[in-house]
Amino acid sequence: MQGAREIAAENSAKNQERMISHYNLSLQEKISAENEVLILTPSSTHKLLIKWIGQVKGVHRSHSCLEKNGSTRQLLVSKLRPYITRIEQELE
């Protein structure tokens, strides 16, 4: 029984990694390593109170981000959006 459980856990982990990589392939075009991104963070269970953390540099892998303080977090690509800077116009 123990051997079957280990084999099932191993196969489950392989399949989950394969599904995640397949899912990220379809969304990979939106975010590249040199672009800045917004990160969706669940701050509440209410869907309208979720916060976006902004202006974070993307890293080489499609599911990681490098934050301003230098830490790296692994995230799903669906939790990232491209950060678009505003161009402030001078009033004349």
PDB file of N, CA and C in Angstrom:
ATOM      1  N   MET A   1       0.819  -1.202   0.000  1.00  0.00           N
ATOM      2  CA  MET A   1       0.000   0.000   0.000  1.00  0.00           C
ATOM      3  C   MET A   1       0.859   1.261   0.000  1.00  0.00           C
ATOM      4  N   GLN A   2       1.942   1.222   0.771  1.00  0.00           N
ATOM      5  CA  GLN A   2       2.802   2.404   0.873  1.00  0.00           C
ATOM      6  C   GLN A   2       3.428   2.728  -0.487  1.00  0.00           C
ATOM      7  N   GLY A   3       3.837   1.700  -1.224  1.00  0.00           N
ATOM      8  CA  GLY A   3       4.433   1.907  -2.541  1.00  0.00           C
ATOM      9  C   GLY A   3       3.447   2.511  -3.525  1.00  0.00           C
ATOM     10  N   ALA A   4       2.208   2.057  -3.488  1.00  0.00           N
ATOM     11  CA  ALA A   4       1.180   2.602  -4.378  1.00  0.00           C
ATOM     12  C   ALA A   4       0.905   4.066  -4.056  1.00  0.00           C
ATOM     13  N   ARG A   5       0.921   4.404  -2.773  1.00  0.00           N
ATOM     14  CA  ARG A   5       0.687   5.789  -2.359  1.00  0.00           C
ATOM     15  C   ARG A   5       1.807   6.704  -2.861  1.00  0.00           C
ATOM     16  N   GLU A   6       3.051   6.224  -2.771  1.00  0.00           N
ATOM     17  CA  GLU A   6       4.190   7.013  -3.238  1.00  0.00           C
ATOM     18  C   GLU A   6       4.140   7.212  -4.748  1.00  0.00           C
ATOM     19  N   ILE A   7       3.789   6.162  -5.471  1.00  0.00           N
ATOM     20  CA  ILE A   7       3.682   6.264  -6.929  1.00  0.00           C
ATOM     21  C   ILE A   7       2.569   7.233  -7.316  1.00  0.00           C
ATOM     22  N   ALA A   8       1.440   7.155  -6.626  1.00  0.00           N
ATOM     23  CA  ALA A   8       0.324   8.057  -6.919  1.00  0.00           C
ATOM     24  C   ALA A   8       0.703   9.506  -6.627  1.00  0.00           C
ATOM     25  N   ALA A   9       1.400   9.755  -5.525  1.00  0.00           N
ATOM     26  CA  ALA A   9       1.818  11.116  -5.186  1.00  0.00           C
ATOM     27  C   ALA A   9       2.817  11.649  -6.205  1.00  0.00           C
ATOM     28  N   GLU A  10       3.727  10.803  -6.652  1.00  0.00           N
ATOM     29  CA  GLU A  10       4.716  11.196  -7.647  1.00  0.00           C
ATOM     30  C   GLU A  10       4.046  11.532  -8.979  1.00  0.00           C
ATOM     31  N   ASN A  11       3.119  10.683  -9.414  1.00  0.00           N
ATOM     32  CA  ASN A  11       2.397  10.938 -10.664  1.00  0.00           C
ATOM     33  C   ASN A  11       1.540  12.193 -10.567  1.00  0.00           C
ATOM     34  N   SER A  12       0.938  12.409  -9.429  1.00  0.00           N
ATOM     35  CA  SER A  12       0.121  13.600  -9.231  1.00  0.00           C
ATOM     36  C   SER A  12       0.965  14.866  -9.329  1.00  0.00           C
ATOM     37  N   ALA A  13       2.147  14.850  -8.727  1.00  0.00           N
ATOM     38  CA  ALA A  13       3.039  16.011  -8.785  1.00  0.00           C
ATOM     39  C   ALA A  13       3.497  16.277 -10.215  1.00  0.00           C
ATOM     40  N   LYS A  14       3.843  15.219 -10.962  1.00  0.00           N
ATOM     41  CA  LYS A  14       4.254  15.376 -12.359  1.00  0.00           C
ATOM     42  C   LYS A  14       3.129  15.974 -13.195  1.00  0.00           C
ATOM     43  N   ASN A  15       1.916  15.442 -13.027  1.00  0.00           N
ATOM     44  CA  ASN A  15       0.781  15.933 -13.800  1.00  0.00           C
ATOM     45  C   ASN A  15       0.453  17.378 -13.464  1.00  0.00           C
ATOM     46  N   GLN A  16       0.563  17.746 -12.199  1.00  0.00           N
ATOM     47  CA  GLN A  16       0.276  19.118 -11.802  1.00  0.00           C
ATOM     48  C   GLN A  16       1.290  20.081 -12.416  1.00  0.00           C
ATOM     49  N   GLU A  17       2.571  19.727 -12.395  1.00  0.00           N
ATOM     50  CA  GLU A  17       3.599  20.561 -13.016  1.00  0.00           C
ATOM     51  C   GLU A  17       3.351  20.699 -14.516  1.00  0.00           C
ATOM     52  N   ARG A  18       2.962  19.600 -15.170  1.00  0.00           N
ATOM     53  CA  ARG A  18       2.692  19.635 -16.602  1.00  0.00           C
ATOM     54  C   ARG A  18       1.497  20.532 -16.913  1.00  0.00           C
ATOM     55  N   MET A  19       0.445  20.451 -16.098  1.00  0.00           N
ATOM     56  CA  MET A  19      -0.734  21.287 -16.323  1.00  0.00           C
ATOM     57  C   MET A  19      -0.417  22.761 -16.099  1.00  0.00           C
ATOM     58  N   ILE A  20       0.381  23.072 -15.072  1.00  0.00           N
ATOM     59  CA  ILE A  20       0.751  24.462 -14.805  1.00  0.00           C
ATOM     60  C   ILE A  20       1.575  25.022 -15.954  1.00  0.00           C
ATOM     61  N   SER A  21       2.549  24.261 -16.437  1.00  0.00           N
ATOM     62  CA  SER A  21       3.380  24.756 -17.533  1.00  0.00           C
ATOM     63  C   SER A  21       2.559  24.923 -18.807  1.00  0.00           C
ATOM     64  N   HIS A  22       1.623  24.024 -19.061  1.00  0.00           N
ATOM     65  CA  HIS A  22       0.760  24.145 -20.233  1.00  0.00           C
ATOM     66  C   HIS A  22      -0.139  25.379 -20.120  1.00  0.00           C
ATOM     67  N   TYR A  23      -0.668  25.634 -18.940  1.00  0.00           N
ATOM     68  CA  TYR A  23      -1.514  26.806 -18.715  1.00  0.00           C
ATOM     69  C   TYR A  23      -0.709  28.089 -18.886  1.00  0.00           C
ATOM     70  N   ASN A  24       0.507  28.119 -18.353  1.00  0.00           N
ATOM     71  CA  ASN A  24       1.338  29.315 -18.441  1.00  0.00           C
ATOM     72  C   ASN A  24       1.795  29.595 -19.867  1.00  0.00           C
ATOM     73  N   LEU A  25       1.881  28.587 -20.718  1.00  0.00           N
ATOM     74  CA  LEU A  25       2.285  28.804 -22.106  1.00  0.00           C
ATOM     75  C   LEU A  25       1.302  29.701 -22.841  1.00  0.00           C
ATOM     76  N   SER A  26       0.021  29.548 -22.571  1.00  0.00           N
ATOM     77  CA  SER A  26      -0.975  30.353 -23.268  1.00  0.00           C
ATOM     78  C   SER A  26      -0.978  31.796 -22.785  1.00  0.00           C
ATOM     79  N   LEU A  27      -0.508  32.046 -21.584  1.00  0.00           N
ATOM     80  CA  LEU A  27      -0.507  33.394 -21.029  1.00  0.00           C
ATOM     81  C   LEU A  27       0.866  34.043 -21.029  1.00  0.00           C
ATOM     82  N   GLN A  28       1.881  33.342 -21.461  1.00  0.00           N
ATOM     83  CA  GLN A  28       3.251  33.810 -21.365  1.00  0.00           C
ATOM     84  C   GLN A  28       3.517  35.032 -22.241  1.00  0.00           C
ATOM     85  N   GLU A  29       2.798  35.205 -23.326  1.00  0.00           N
ATOM     86  CA  GLU A  29       3.044  36.297 -24.251  1.00  0.00           C
ATOM     87  C   GLU A  29       2.793  37.660 -23.623  1.00  0.00           C
ATOM     88  N   LYS A  30       1.888  37.736 -22.677  1.00  0.00           N
ATOM     89  CA  LYS A  30       1.514  39.015 -22.094  1.00  0.00           C
ATOM     90  C   LYS A  30       2.617  39.616 -21.230  1.00  0.00           C
ATOM     91  N   ILE A  31       3.358  38.790 -20.529  1.00  0.00           N
ATOM     92  CA  ILE A  31       4.357  39.250 -19.575  1.00  0.00           C
ATOM     93  C   ILE A  31       5.728  38.755 -20.015  1.00  0.00           C
ATOM     94  N   SER A  32       6.692  39.674 -20.118  1.00  0.00           N
ATOM     95  CA  SER A  32       8.058  39.255 -20.418  1.00  0.00           C
ATOM     96  C   SER A  32       8.975  39.686 -19.278  1.00  0.00           C
ATOM     97  N   ALA A  33      10.219  39.250 -19.318  1.00  0.00           N
ATOM     98  CA  ALA A  33      11.140  39.447 -18.195  1.00  0.00           C
ATOM     99  C   ALA A  33      11.476  40.910 -17.959  1.00  0.00           C
ATOM    100  N   GLU A  34      11.545  41.709 -19.002  1.00  0.00           N
ATOM    101  CA  GLU A  34      11.965  43.096 -18.818  1.00  0.00           C
ATOM    102  C   GLU A  34      10.815  44.050 -18.503  1.00  0.00           C
ATOM    103  N   ASN A  35       9.592  43.601 -18.606  1.00  0.00           N
ATOM    104  CA  ASN A  35       8.440  44.460 -18.334  1.00  0.00           C
ATOM    105  C   ASN A  35       8.128  44.536 -16.854  1.00  0.00           C
ATOM    106  N   GLU A  36       7.492  45.645 -16.467  1.00  0.00           N
ATOM    107  CA  GLU A  36       6.998  45.774 -15.105  1.00  0.00           C
ATOM    108  C   GLU A  36       5.570  45.250 -15.068  1.00  0.00           C
ATOM    109  N   VAL A  37       5.181  44.666 -13.933  1.00  0.00           N
ATOM    110  CA  VAL A  37       3.872  44.038 -13.825  1.00  0.00           C
ATOM    111  C   VAL A  37       3.148  44.486 -12.563  1.00  0.00           C
ATOM    112  N   LEU A  38       1.841  44.268 -12.552  1.00  0.00           N
ATOM    113  CA  LEU A  38       1.011  44.416 -11.364  1.00  0.00           C
ATOM    114  C   LEU A  38       0.720  43.020 -10.838  1.00  0.00           C
ATOM    115  N   ILE A  39       0.695  42.880  -9.506  1.00  0.00           N
ATOM    116  CA  ILE A  39       0.420  41.583  -8.884  1.00  0.00           C
ATOM    117  C   ILE A  39      -0.916  41.657  -8.163  1.00  0.00           C
ATOM    118  N   LEU A  40      -1.782  40.695  -8.403  1.00  0.00           N
ATOM    119  CA  LEU A  40      -3.065  40.600  -7.716  1.00  0.00           C
ATOM    120  C   LEU A  40      -2.869  39.843  -6.409  1.00  0.00           C
ATOM    121  N   THR A  41      -3.165  40.501  -5.279  1.00  0.00           N
ATOM    122  CA  THR A  41      -3.013  39.853  -3.974  1.00  0.00           C
ATOM    123  C   THR A  41      -4.357  39.793  -3.276  1.00  0.00           C
ATOM    124  N   PRO A  42      -4.765  38.637  -2.821  1.00  0.00           N
ATOM    125  CA  PRO A  42      -6.038  38.529  -2.104  1.00  0.00           C
ATOM    126  C   PRO A  42      -5.912  39.071  -0.683  1.00  0.00           C
ATOM    127  N   SER A  43      -6.439  40.271  -0.450  1.00  0.00           N
ATOM    128  CA  SER A  43      -6.378  40.861   0.885  1.00  0.00           C
ATOM    129  C   SER A  43      -7.655  40.580   1.664  1.00  0.00           C
ATOM    130  N   SER A  44      -8.660  40.071   0.976  1.00  0.00           N
ATOM    131  CA  SER A  44      -9.937  39.790   1.618  1.00  0.00           C
ATOM    132  C   SER A  44     -10.633  38.680   0.840  1.00  0.00           C
ATOM    133  N   THR A  45     -11.629  38.072   1.448  1.00  0.00           N
ATOM    134  CA  THR A  45     -12.404  37.060   0.737  1.00  0.00           C
ATOM    135  C   THR A  45     -13.430  37.702  -0.192  1.00  0.00           C
ATOM    136  N   HIS A  46     -13.689  38.980  -0.014  1.00  0.00           N
ATOM    137  CA  HIS A  46     -14.627  39.693  -0.869  1.00  0.00           C
ATOM    138  C   HIS A  46     -13.937  40.041  -2.183  1.00  0.00           C
ATOM    139  N   LYS A  47     -14.533  39.703  -3.310  1.00  0.00           N
ATOM    140  CA  LYS A  47     -13.860  39.854  -4.593  1.00  0.00           C
ATOM    141  C   LYS A  47     -13.632  41.306  -5.002  1.00  0.00           C
ATOM    142  N   LEU A  48     -14.361  42.253  -4.432  1.00  0.00           N
ATOM    143  CA  LEU A  48     -14.160  43.651  -4.784  1.00  0.00           C
ATOM    144  C   LEU A  48     -13.085  44.328  -3.942  1.00  0.00           C
ATOM    145  N   LEU A  49     -12.582  43.658  -2.924  1.00  0.00           N
ATOM    146  CA  LEU A  49     -11.575  44.247  -2.046  1.00  0.00           C
ATOM    147  C   LEU A  49     -10.169  43.707  -2.303  1.00  0.00           C
ATOM    148  N   ILE A  50      -9.963  43.061  -3.425  1.00  0.00           N
ATOM    149  CA  ILE A  50      -8.652  42.517  -3.761  1.00  0.00           C
ATOM    150  C   ILE A  50      -7.758  43.665  -4.230  1.00  0.00           C
ATOM    151  N   LYS A  51      -6.491  43.672  -3.788  1.00  0.00           N
ATOM    152  CA  LYS A  51      -5.568  44.763  -4.100  1.00  0.00           C
ATOM    153  C   LYS A  51      -4.580  44.354  -5.187  1.00  0.00           C
ATOM    154  N   TRP A  52      -4.152  45.355  -5.956  1.00  0.00           N
ATOM    155  CA  TRP A  52      -3.102  45.176  -6.944  1.00  0.00           C
ATOM    156  C   TRP A  52      -1.843  45.857  -6.412  1.00  0.00           C
ATOM    157  N   ILE A  53      -0.726  45.148  -6.392  1.00  0.00           N
ATOM    158  CA  ILE A  53       0.561  45.721  -6.026  1.00  0.00           C
ATOM    159  C   ILE A  53       1.254  46.070  -7.330  1.00  0.00           C
ATOM    160  N   GLY A  54       1.775  47.300  -7.433  1.00  0.00           N
ATOM    161  CA  GLY A  54       2.243  47.738  -8.726  1.00  0.00           C
ATOM    162  C   GLY A  54       3.730  47.922  -8.886  1.00  0.00           C
ATOM    163  N   GLN A  55       4.115  48.024 -10.128  1.00  0.00           N
ATOM    164  CA  GLN A  55       5.447  48.322 -10.615  1.00  0.00           C
ATOM    165  C   GLN A  55       6.491  47.352 -10.070  1.00  0.00           C
ATOM    166  N   VAL A  56       6.316  46.097 -10.381  1.00  0.00           N
ATOM    167  CA  VAL A  56       7.229  45.033  -9.962  1.00  0.00           C
ATOM    168  C   VAL A  56       7.881  44.474 -11.218  1.00  0.00           C
ATOM    169  N   LYS A  57       9.177  44.235 -11.172  1.00  0.00           N
ATOM    170  CA  LYS A  57       9.892  43.704 -12.332  1.00  0.00           C
ATOM    171  C   LYS A  57       9.639  42.214 -12.486  1.00  0.00           C
ATOM    172  N   GLY A  58       9.388  41.786 -13.711  1.00  0.00           N
ATOM    173  CA  GLY A  58       9.255  40.365 -13.996  1.00  0.00           C
ATOM    174  C   GLY A  58      10.635  39.719 -14.083  1.00  0.00           C
ATOM    175  N   VAL A  59      10.720  38.433 -13.838  1.00  0.00           N
ATOM    176  CA  VAL A  59      11.989  37.707 -13.864  1.00  0.00           C
ATOM    177  C   VAL A  59      11.951  36.720 -15.021  1.00  0.00           C
ATOM    178  N   HIS A  60      13.009  35.981 -15.239  1.00  0.00           N
ATOM    179  CA  HIS A  60      13.150  35.102 -16.401  1.00  0.00           C
ATOM    180  C   HIS A  60      12.030  34.086 -16.521  1.00  0.00           C
ATOM    181  N   ARG A  61      11.627  33.472 -15.416  1.00  0.00           N
ATOM    182  CA  ARG A  61      10.555  32.485 -15.497  1.00  0.00           C
ATOM    183  C   ARG A  61       9.219  33.208 -15.584  1.00  0.00           C
ATOM    184  N   SER A  62       8.290  32.621 -16.271  1.00  0.00           N
ATOM    185  CA  SER A  62       7.006  33.288 -16.501  1.00  0.00           C
ATOM    186  C   SER A  62       6.145  33.361 -15.249  1.00  0.00           C
ATOM    187  N   HIS A  63       6.463  32.608 -14.211  1.00  0.00           N
ATOM    188  CA  HIS A  63       5.621  32.593 -13.028  1.00  0.00           C
ATOM    189  C   HIS A  63       6.343  33.125 -11.790  1.00  0.00           C
ATOM    190  N   SER A  64       7.400  33.953 -11.975  1.00  0.00           N
ATOM    191  CA  SER A  64       8.097  34.551 -10.845  1.00  0.00           C
ATOM    192  C   SER A  64       8.172  36.057 -11.037  1.00  0.00           C
ATOM    193  N   CYS A  65       8.232  36.774  -9.942  1.00  0.00           N
ATOM    194  CA  CYS A  65       8.379  38.224  -9.985  1.00  0.00           C
ATOM    195  C   CYS A  65       9.423  38.649  -8.981  1.00  0.00           C
ATOM    196  N   LEU A  66      10.162  39.689  -9.309  1.00  0.00           N
ATOM    197  CA  LEU A  66      11.144  40.250  -8.400  1.00  0.00           C
ATOM    198  C   LEU A  66      10.567  41.538  -7.843  1.00  0.00           C
ATOM    199  N   GLU A  67      10.409  41.615  -6.533  1.00  0.00           N
ATOM    200  CA  GLU A  67       9.811  42.789  -5.921  1.00  0.00           C
ATOM    201  C   GLU A  67      10.872  43.855  -5.670  1.00  0.00           C
ATOM    202  N   LYS A  68      10.413  45.068  -5.297  1.00  0.00           N
ATOM    203  CA  LYS A  68      11.330  46.180  -5.089  1.00  0.00           C
ATOM    204  C   LYS A  68      12.345  45.902  -3.987  1.00  0.00           C
ATOM    205  N   ASN A  69      11.960  45.165  -2.972  1.00  0.00           N
ATOM    206  CA  ASN A  69      12.876  44.884  -1.870  1.00  0.00           C
ATOM    207  C   ASN A  69      13.848  43.749  -2.198  1.00  0.00           C
ATOM    208  N   GLY A  70      13.795  43.206  -3.392  1.00  0.00           N
ATOM    209  CA  GLY A  70      14.738  42.183  -3.822  1.00  0.00           C
ATOM    210  C   GLY A  70      14.270  40.755  -3.634  1.00  0.00           C
ATOM    211  N   SER A  71      13.133  40.547  -3.006  1.00  0.00           N
ATOM    212  CA  SER A  71      12.643  39.185  -2.797  1.00  0.00           C
ATOM    213  C   SER A  71      11.962  38.664  -4.061  1.00  0.00           C
ATOM    214  N   THR A  72      11.953  37.363  -4.207  1.00  0.00           N
ATOM    215  CA  THR A  72      11.337  36.727  -5.367  1.00  0.00           C
ATOM    216  C   THR A  72      10.158  35.898  -4.903  1.00  0.00           C
ATOM    217  N   ARG A  73       9.029  36.037  -5.609  1.00  0.00           N
ATOM    218  CA  ARG A  73       7.834  35.261  -5.287  1.00  0.00           C
ATOM    219  C   ARG A  73       7.405  34.493  -6.522  1.00  0.00           C
ATOM    220  N   GLN A  74       6.911  33.282  -6.322  1.00  0.00           N
ATOM    221  CA  GLN A  74       6.383  32.508  -7.436  1.00  0.00           C
ATOM    222  C   GLN A  74       4.882  32.726  -7.503  1.00  0.00           C
ATOM    223  N   LEU A  75       4.420  33.125  -8.683  1.00  0.00           N
ATOM    224  CA  LEU A  75       3.014  33.452  -8.881  1.00  0.00           C
ATOM    225  C   LEU A  75       2.514  32.816 -10.167  1.00  0.00           C
ATOM    226  N   LEU A  76       1.227  32.619 -10.236  1.00  0.00           N
ATOM    227  CA  LEU A  76       0.619  32.195 -11.494  1.00  0.00           C
ATOM    228  C   LEU A  76       0.566  33.385 -12.442  1.00  0.00           C
ATOM    229  N   VAL A  77       0.660  33.121 -13.711  1.00  0.00           N
ATOM    230  CA  VAL A  77       0.631  34.182 -14.703  1.00  0.00           C
ATOM    231  C   VAL A  77      -0.719  34.891 -14.687  1.00  0.00           C
ATOM    232  N   SER A  78      -1.771  34.196 -14.303  1.00  0.00           N
ATOM    233  CA  SER A  78      -3.097  34.811 -14.273  1.00  0.00           C
ATOM    234  C   SER A  78      -3.204  35.880 -13.189  1.00  0.00           C
ATOM    235  N   LYS A  79      -2.268  35.905 -12.233  1.00  0.00           N
ATOM    236  CA  LYS A  79      -2.267  36.915 -11.172  1.00  0.00           C
ATOM    237  C   LYS A  79      -1.424  38.129 -11.539  1.00  0.00           C
ATOM    238  N   LEU A  80      -0.895  38.175 -12.761  1.00  0.00           N
ATOM    239  CA  LEU A  80      -0.038  39.272 -13.208  1.00  0.00           C
ATOM    240  C   LEU A  80      -0.689  40.020 -14.357  1.00  0.00           C
ATOM    241  N   ARG A  81      -0.493  41.330 -14.376  1.00  0.00           N
ATOM    242  CA  ARG A  81      -0.953  42.166 -15.483  1.00  0.00           C
ATOM    243  C   ARG A  81       0.170  43.122 -15.860  1.00  0.00           C
ATOM    244  N   PRO A  82       0.277  43.509 -17.120  1.00  0.00           N
ATOM    245  CA  PRO A  82       1.311  44.472 -17.506  1.00  0.00           C
ATOM    246  C   PRO A  82       1.074  45.821 -16.826  1.00  0.00           C
ATOM    247  N   TYR A  83       2.158  46.445 -16.366  1.00  0.00           N
ATOM    248  CA  TYR A  83       2.075  47.764 -15.741  1.00  0.00           C
ATOM    249  C   TYR A  83       2.302  48.807 -16.820  1.00  0.00           C
ATOM    250  N   ILE A  84       1.359  49.719 -16.981  1.00  0.00           N
ATOM    251  CA  ILE A  84       1.452  50.767 -17.990  1.00  0.00           C
ATOM    252  C   ILE A  84       1.628  52.091 -17.264  1.00  0.00           C
ATOM    253  N   THR A  85       2.750  52.770 -17.532  1.00  0.00           N
ATOM    254  CA  THR A  85       3.015  54.032 -16.857  1.00  0.00           C
ATOM    255  C   THR A  85       2.204  55.144 -17.505  1.00  0.00           C
ATOM    256  N   ARG A  86       1.784  56.070 -16.674  1.00  0.00           N
ATOM    257  CA  ARG A  86       1.056  57.222 -17.185  1.00  0.00           C
ATOM    258  C   ARG A  86       2.044  58.276 -17.657  1.00  0.00           C
ATOM    259  N   ILE A  87       1.703  58.935 -18.722  1.00  0.00           N
ATOM    260  CA  ILE A  87       2.503  60.050 -19.204  1.00  0.00           C
ATOM    261  C   ILE A  87       1.792  61.315 -18.763  1.00  0.00           C
ATOM    262  N   GLU A  88       2.455  62.020 -17.869  1.00  0.00           N
ATOM    263  CA  GLU A  88       1.840  63.232 -17.354  1.00  0.00           C
ATOM    264  C   GLU A  88       2.108  64.371 -18.322  1.00  0.00           C
ATOM    265  N   GLN A  89       1.055  65.048 -18.710  1.00  0.00           N
ATOM    266  CA  GLN A  89       1.187  66.158 -19.636  1.00  0.00           C
ATOM    267  C   GLN A  89       1.360  67.447 -18.851  1.00  0.00           C
ATOM    268  N   GLU A  90       2.272  68.273 -19.339  1.00  0.00           N
ATOM    269  CA  GLU A  90       2.487  69.550 -18.685  1.00  0.00           C
ATOM    270  C   GLU A  90       1.383  70.510 -19.093  1.00  0.00           C
ATOM    271  N   LEU A  91       0.888  71.240 -18.128  1.00  0.00           N
ATOM    272  CA  LEU A  91      -0.136  72.236 -18.414  1.00  0.00           C
ATOM    273  C   LEU A  91       0.531  73.497 -18.921  1.00  0.00           C
ATOM    274  N   GLU A  92       0.057  74.010 -20.020  1.00  0.00           N
ATOM    275  CA  GLU A  92       0.644  75.224 -20.590  1.00  0.00           C
ATOM    276  C   GLU A  92      -0.311  76.369 -20.484  1.00  0.00           C
TER     277      GLU A  92
END
